[in-house]
Protein backbone atom coordinates (compact mmCIF):
# COMPACT_ATOMS: atom_id res chain seq x y z
CA MET A 1 136.40 95.82 130.01
CA TRP A 2 136.10 92.10 130.47
CA LEU A 3 139.26 91.81 128.14
CA VAL A 4 141.28 94.22 129.83
CA GLY A 5 140.01 92.97 133.28
CA ALA A 6 140.65 88.87 132.11
CA LEU A 7 144.07 89.58 131.20
CA GLY A 8 144.85 91.63 134.38
CA VAL A 9 144.10 88.62 136.50
CA ILE A 10 146.23 86.39 134.49
CA ALA A 11 149.07 89.00 134.64
CA GLY A 12 148.29 88.93 138.62
CA LEU A 13 148.49 85.40 139.25
CA VAL A 14 151.79 84.66 137.18
CA LEU A 15 153.27 87.23 139.33
CA MET A 16 151.87 85.68 142.40
CA VAL A 17 152.24 82.33 141.45
CA TYR A 18 154.72 81.27 138.99
CA VAL A 19 157.39 84.24 139.45
CA PRO A 20 157.84 83.99 143.17
CA SER A 21 158.46 80.16 142.48
CA LEU A 22 161.15 80.61 140.54
CA LYS A 23 164.53 79.89 142.57
CA PRO A 24 166.18 83.32 142.05
CA VAL A 25 163.11 85.15 143.06
CA SER A 26 162.27 82.58 145.98
CA ASN A 27 165.89 83.52 147.24
CA VAL A 28 165.45 87.04 147.73
CA LEU A 29 162.82 87.65 150.55
CA PHE A 30 162.33 91.23 149.17
CA LEU A 31 161.78 90.01 145.62
CA PHE A 32 159.51 87.40 146.96
CA ALA A 33 157.12 89.37 148.53
CA GLY A 34 157.20 92.21 146.42
CA PHE A 35 155.94 90.00 143.87
CA HIS A 36 153.36 88.41 145.77
CA LEU A 37 152.40 92.25 146.42
CA VAL A 38 152.31 93.48 143.09
CA GLY A 39 150.54 90.57 141.98
CA ALA A 40 147.65 90.84 144.60
CA VAL A 41 147.32 94.40 143.47
CA VAL A 42 147.04 93.85 139.90
CA LEU A 43 144.33 91.32 140.55
CA ALA A 44 142.21 93.57 142.77
CA ALA A 45 142.61 96.17 140.14
CA SER A 46 141.45 93.65 137.19
CA ILE A 47 138.88 92.60 139.04
CA TYR A 48 137.44 96.14 140.04
CA VAL A 49 137.45 96.46 136.27
CA MET A 50 135.51 94.06 135.41
CA ALA A 51 132.64 94.31 138.34
CA GLY A 52 134.09 95.91 141.39
CA ARG A 53 133.30 99.72 140.14
CA GLY A 54 129.80 99.40 139.59
CA ILE A 55 129.47 97.72 142.96
CA PHE A 56 131.74 100.93 144.35
CA ARG A 57 129.76 103.30 142.60
CA ARG A 58 126.29 102.01 143.48
CA TRP A 59 127.75 102.14 146.96
CA SER A 60 129.07 105.60 146.86
CA ARG A 61 125.83 107.23 144.93
CA ARG A 62 123.55 105.48 148.18
CA ARG A 63 126.04 107.29 150.57
CA ASN A 64 125.58 110.73 148.97
CA ALA A 65 122.78 110.49 147.39
CA ASN A 66 121.68 114.36 148.18
CA ASP A 67 125.30 115.56 147.55
CA ASP A 68 126.75 115.95 143.91
CA ALA A 69 130.26 116.26 145.33
CA ALA A 70 130.64 119.42 143.28
CA LYS A 71 132.57 117.82 140.53
CA TYR A 72 132.08 115.99 137.31
CA ASP A 73 131.70 112.92 136.29
CA PHE A 74 132.43 111.96 132.91
CA GLY A 75 131.88 108.21 133.01
CA TRP A 76 134.87 107.02 131.28
CA ALA A 77 135.28 102.76 131.93
CA PRO A 78 137.63 101.75 134.15
CA ALA A 79 139.42 99.40 131.16
CA TRP A 80 140.63 103.07 129.90
CA THR A 81 141.43 104.69 132.86
CA LEU A 82 142.98 102.03 134.82
CA GLY A 83 144.20 99.82 132.35
CA PRO A 84 147.25 101.65 131.50
CA TRP A 85 148.06 101.78 135.08
CA ILE A 86 147.92 97.93 135.31
CA ALA A 87 150.09 97.28 131.70
CA ALA A 88 152.92 99.70 133.41
CA LEU A 89 152.77 97.89 136.44
CA VAL A 90 153.39 93.91 134.83
CA MET A 91 155.53 95.22 132.53
CA ALA A 92 157.59 96.99 135.03
CA SER A 93 157.59 93.26 137.16
CA ALA A 94 158.13 91.69 133.89
CA THR A 95 161.33 93.73 133.49
CA VAL A 96 162.75 92.85 137.06
CA ALA A 97 161.65 89.25 136.76
CA VAL A 98 163.92 88.81 133.59
CA TYR A 99 166.59 90.28 135.08
CA ALA A 100 166.54 88.32 138.57
CA ALA A 101 165.69 84.91 136.76
CA ALA A 102 167.30 85.18 132.99
CA PRO A 103 169.41 88.03 132.65
CA ALA A 104 170.95 86.69 129.43
CA TRP A 105 167.47 87.92 128.17
CA TRP A 106 168.27 91.07 128.91
CA PRO A 107 166.78 92.72 125.05
CA PHE A 108 163.33 91.52 126.36
CA ALA A 109 163.86 93.46 129.57
CA PHE A 110 164.94 96.34 127.98
CA LEU A 111 161.76 96.03 125.59
CA PHE A 112 159.66 95.65 128.91
CA THR A 113 160.94 98.83 130.39
CA LEU A 114 159.87 100.71 127.25
CA LEU A 115 156.37 99.60 127.22
CA ALA A 116 156.06 100.19 131.10
CA ALA A 117 157.40 103.87 130.71
CA SER A 118 155.09 103.93 127.52
CA PHE A 119 152.09 102.77 129.30
CA PHE A 120 153.04 104.89 132.44
CA ALA A 121 152.54 107.72 129.81
CA GLY A 122 149.14 106.60 128.75
CA ALA A 123 147.91 106.28 132.35
CA LEU A 124 148.94 110.07 132.94
CA ILE A 125 147.31 111.12 129.76
CA THR A 126 143.80 109.05 130.44
CA ALA A 127 143.73 110.23 133.94
CA SER A 128 144.01 114.07 132.73
CA SER A 129 141.39 113.23 130.45
CA THR A 130 138.66 112.41 133.60
CA ARG A 131 139.59 115.57 135.10
CA PRO A 132 137.08 119.55 134.59
CA ASP A 133 140.26 121.57 133.71
CA HIS A 134 140.92 119.27 130.99
CA ALA A 135 137.40 119.76 129.44
CA VAL A 136 137.95 122.19 127.11
CA LEU A 137 138.33 122.81 123.58
CA PRO A 138 141.30 124.29 121.38
CA MET A 139 141.03 128.18 120.66
CA VAL A 140 139.87 128.42 117.13
CA ASP A 141 137.37 130.17 115.27
CA LEU A 142 134.38 128.14 115.46
CA LEU A 143 131.52 130.23 116.76
CA SER A 144 129.92 132.72 113.99
CA GLY A 145 128.32 134.85 117.10
CA GLU A 146 127.88 134.50 120.96
CA SER A 147 124.16 133.46 120.17
CA ASP A 148 124.98 130.52 118.14
CA LEU A 149 123.04 127.13 118.22
CA VAL A 150 125.68 124.44 118.32
CA LEU A 151 125.65 120.97 118.12
CA ASP A 152 127.63 118.67 120.19
CA GLY A 153 127.25 115.33 117.95
CA GLY A 154 128.15 112.41 119.95
CA CYS A 155 128.14 114.31 123.47
CA GLY A 156 128.95 111.33 125.74
CA ALA A 157 128.57 112.44 129.15
CA GLY A 158 129.23 116.11 128.41
CA ARG A 159 132.89 116.86 128.36
CA THR A 160 132.77 118.45 125.17
CA THR A 161 129.25 120.05 125.86
CA VAL A 162 130.44 121.57 129.14
CA ALA A 163 133.65 123.47 127.22
CA LEU A 164 131.29 124.56 124.70
CA GLY A 165 129.31 126.39 127.55
CA ARG A 166 132.15 127.75 128.73
CA ALA A 167 132.71 129.74 125.13
CA LEU A 168 129.13 130.10 124.48
CA LYS A 169 128.07 132.61 127.07
CA LYS A 170 124.64 133.33 125.31
CA GLY A 171 123.65 130.57 122.48
CA ARG A 172 122.31 127.47 122.83
CA ILE A 173 123.64 123.81 122.68
CA VAL A 174 121.78 120.79 121.64
CA ALA A 175 123.87 117.34 122.55
CA LEU A 176 123.20 114.58 120.86
CA ASP A 177 124.03 110.92 121.02
CA ARG A 178 122.74 107.40 120.79
CA PHE A 179 123.45 107.23 124.76
CA ASP A 180 124.58 103.17 124.21
CA SER A 181 128.17 103.35 124.55
CA ASP A 182 129.71 100.60 126.79
CA TYR A 183 132.34 102.76 127.35
CA ILE A 184 130.40 105.38 129.12
CA GLU A 185 128.70 104.01 132.64
CA GLY A 186 124.91 103.66 131.40
CA GLY A 187 125.43 104.93 128.24
CA GLY A 188 126.32 108.16 129.78
CA ARG A 189 122.55 109.86 130.07
CA ALA A 190 122.31 110.36 133.47
CA LEU A 191 125.93 111.32 133.85
CA LEU A 192 125.16 114.04 131.25
CA GLU A 193 122.26 115.72 133.25
CA ARG A 194 123.99 115.66 136.02
CA ASN A 195 127.15 117.75 134.66
CA LEU A 196 125.12 120.15 133.08
CA ARG A 197 123.00 120.64 136.16
CA LEU A 198 126.70 120.96 137.93
CA ALA A 199 127.61 123.06 135.17
CA ALA A 200 124.57 125.13 135.18
CA LEU A 201 123.74 124.57 131.50
CA ASP A 202 120.64 122.71 131.87
CA GLU A 203 118.42 125.44 130.60
CA ARG A 204 120.71 126.25 127.81
CA VAL A 205 121.09 122.72 126.70
CA GLU A 206 118.80 120.57 124.59
CA ILE A 207 119.61 116.74 125.14
CA ARG A 208 118.46 114.72 121.96
CA GLN A 209 119.13 111.18 121.41
CA GLY A 210 120.00 110.13 117.86
CA ASP A 211 122.43 108.75 115.22
CA LEU A 212 125.45 110.83 113.62
CA THR A 213 124.66 109.09 110.59
CA GLN A 214 120.86 110.13 110.51
CA LEU A 215 120.93 113.28 112.16
CA PRO A 216 117.14 114.19 113.25
CA PHE A 217 117.32 117.78 112.15
CA PRO A 218 116.27 119.78 109.21
CA ASP A 219 118.88 121.25 106.60
CA ARG A 220 120.74 124.51 107.81
CA THR A 221 119.50 124.00 111.57
CA PHE A 222 123.24 125.14 113.16
CA ASP A 223 125.63 128.00 112.98
CA SER A 224 128.56 125.50 114.21
CA ALA A 225 128.97 122.16 115.22
CA VAL A 226 131.44 120.31 117.51
CA SER A 227 132.00 116.48 117.53
CA ALA A 228 135.35 115.01 119.90
CA HIS A 229 136.31 111.26 119.84
CA ALA A 230 132.79 110.40 118.19
CA MET A 231 133.09 110.39 114.57
CA ASP A 232 135.87 107.97 114.78
CA HIS A 233 133.93 105.06 115.97
CA LEU A 234 131.67 104.98 112.74
CA GLY A 235 134.06 102.71 111.01
CA PRO A 236 132.62 102.67 107.48
CA GLN A 237 130.20 105.15 108.01
CA ILE A 238 132.15 108.10 108.70
CA ILE A 239 131.61 109.73 105.18
CA GLN A 240 128.08 109.21 106.02
CA GLY A 241 128.55 111.27 109.31
CA LEU A 242 130.71 114.04 107.91
CA SER A 243 127.94 114.44 105.53
CA GLU A 244 124.70 114.75 107.72
CA MET A 245 127.04 117.14 109.68
CA ARG A 246 127.67 119.15 106.76
CA ARG A 247 124.07 118.87 106.00
CA VAL A 248 122.29 120.25 109.16
CA LEU A 249 125.33 123.38 109.22
CA LYS A 250 124.31 126.48 107.80
CA PRO A 251 125.84 127.63 104.51
CA GLY A 252 129.45 128.80 106.29
CA GLY A 253 128.87 127.14 109.41
CA ARG A 254 131.88 125.82 110.54
CA PHE A 255 132.55 122.12 112.63
CA LEU A 256 135.25 121.33 114.91
CA LEU A 257 136.16 117.49 114.58
CA VAL A 258 138.34 115.85 117.20
CA VAL A 259 139.62 112.73 116.43
CA TRP A 260 142.22 110.06 117.81
CA VAL A 261 145.20 109.41 115.20
CA PRO A 262 148.34 107.34 115.00
CA GLY A 263 150.87 108.98 117.11
CA TRP A 264 152.78 108.35 120.14
CA ALA A 265 150.27 109.87 122.61
CA MET A 266 147.72 107.37 121.25
CA PHE A 267 150.32 104.32 121.31
CA ALA A 268 150.76 105.29 125.09
CA ILE A 269 147.14 104.73 125.45
CA ALA A 270 146.14 101.86 123.29
CA SER A 271 149.61 100.01 122.66
CA VAL A 272 149.68 98.44 118.82
CA LEU A 273 145.78 99.33 118.20
CA ALA A 274 147.10 102.43 117.72
CA PHE A 275 148.67 101.65 114.09
CA PHE A 276 144.85 100.90 112.85
CA LEU A 277 143.61 104.44 114.03
CA THR A 278 142.87 106.50 110.53
CA GLY A 279 145.69 109.06 110.05
CA LYS A 280 145.75 113.03 109.65
CA ARG A 281 146.32 112.26 105.58
CA GLU A 282 142.71 109.93 105.04
CA TRP A 283 140.69 112.31 107.71
CA LYS A 284 141.81 115.48 105.30
CA GLN A 285 140.40 113.28 102.41
CA LEU A 286 137.30 111.80 103.85
CA THR A 287 136.11 115.46 104.79
CA ASN A 288 136.95 117.11 101.74
CA ARG A 289 135.07 114.13 99.51
CA ALA A 290 131.82 115.44 102.18
CA GLY A 291 131.94 118.63 101.09
CA PHE A 292 134.16 120.43 103.64
CA GLN A 293 137.07 123.22 103.49
CA ILE A 294 139.49 122.91 105.95
CA ARG A 295 140.71 125.96 107.49
CA ASP A 296 143.10 124.81 110.92
CA GLN A 297 144.27 121.98 112.28
CA GLY A 298 146.37 120.92 115.28
CA HIS A 299 146.97 118.88 118.44
CA PHE A 300 145.53 119.85 122.39
CA ASN A 301 145.53 117.29 124.80
CA GLY A 302 147.23 114.51 122.80
CA PHE A 303 144.75 114.88 120.37
CA TRP A 304 144.38 115.42 116.58
CA PHE A 305 141.67 118.62 115.59
CA LEU A 306 140.25 120.02 111.83
CA LEU A 307 138.29 123.21 111.99
CA LEU A 308 136.04 122.79 108.81
CA GLU A 309 133.61 124.81 107.39
CA LYS A 310 130.72 124.25 104.72
CA PRO A 311 131.16 126.88 102.26
CA ALA A 312 129.14 129.73 101.79
CA SER A 313 128.41 128.73 97.82
CA ALA A 314 126.26 125.80 99.23
CA ALA A 315 123.57 128.35 99.70
CA LEU A 316 123.76 129.46 96.40
CA ALA A 317 123.85 125.53 95.09
CA GLY A 318 120.65 124.84 97.58
CA ASP A 319 122.64 122.65 99.53
């Protein structure tokens, strides 16, 4: 958050101080005032990303101490939710500044326009991820029965847990996380408890603290499992995490893996960082190495998923 906020502060100051000083801009009142206004918005939003959100949320909680407002809060840090909006506004402003002050550099203005459109799309995607109606999972053949015991590995603030609860009417869910993520407020534990209470799932969900690479469960504990936007954070330990997930599944149990992969949607959110994400082909190789069989794959909400299965023959092998 500090990096996004600091870059935004610099961009805001440039838009407020440097750009209005350019003669072609200062000679047009609309542009002169407009860049000051946009710069102030970018500056304020960037300060909010770095520090203001925590202050606002504490004030809001005191004000509504006895009111859950009947809505979920998945706690995504403002660097993810506001960052693309700030970037889109900065790129759009850069387009206008180049056209006004240096028309001969129009190729750069065209590039800034494309980036502004891309960041705007990314802002829409990240905004949708915070809404309860997007707390869903793809319609795949995951559950073996309506009374499954399901593991949500890397549950965070419970977005996937709530989605599981909608599909699993009688079974139980174990929501596991280290609860130390820096992009979810407070690591997510308190938000998870609140969201489960709002979803009337608190009696059907057991919260456990643990690591995906060393799951604190015996072999063959779960009928099925899900991990959304968590395995791709493990870096060189991805194989270990996948192997652990396979270990705790019963033979024939299925595992829904949701990850970020390179593509337009991820570029819109993360820009050039999207090129460093693990690709579909690599994910398939990793899951095969971990001993899973691929049963289904596809896209939803801009993300990619694999439906994996622990072979039933693992029972014969004592695995």
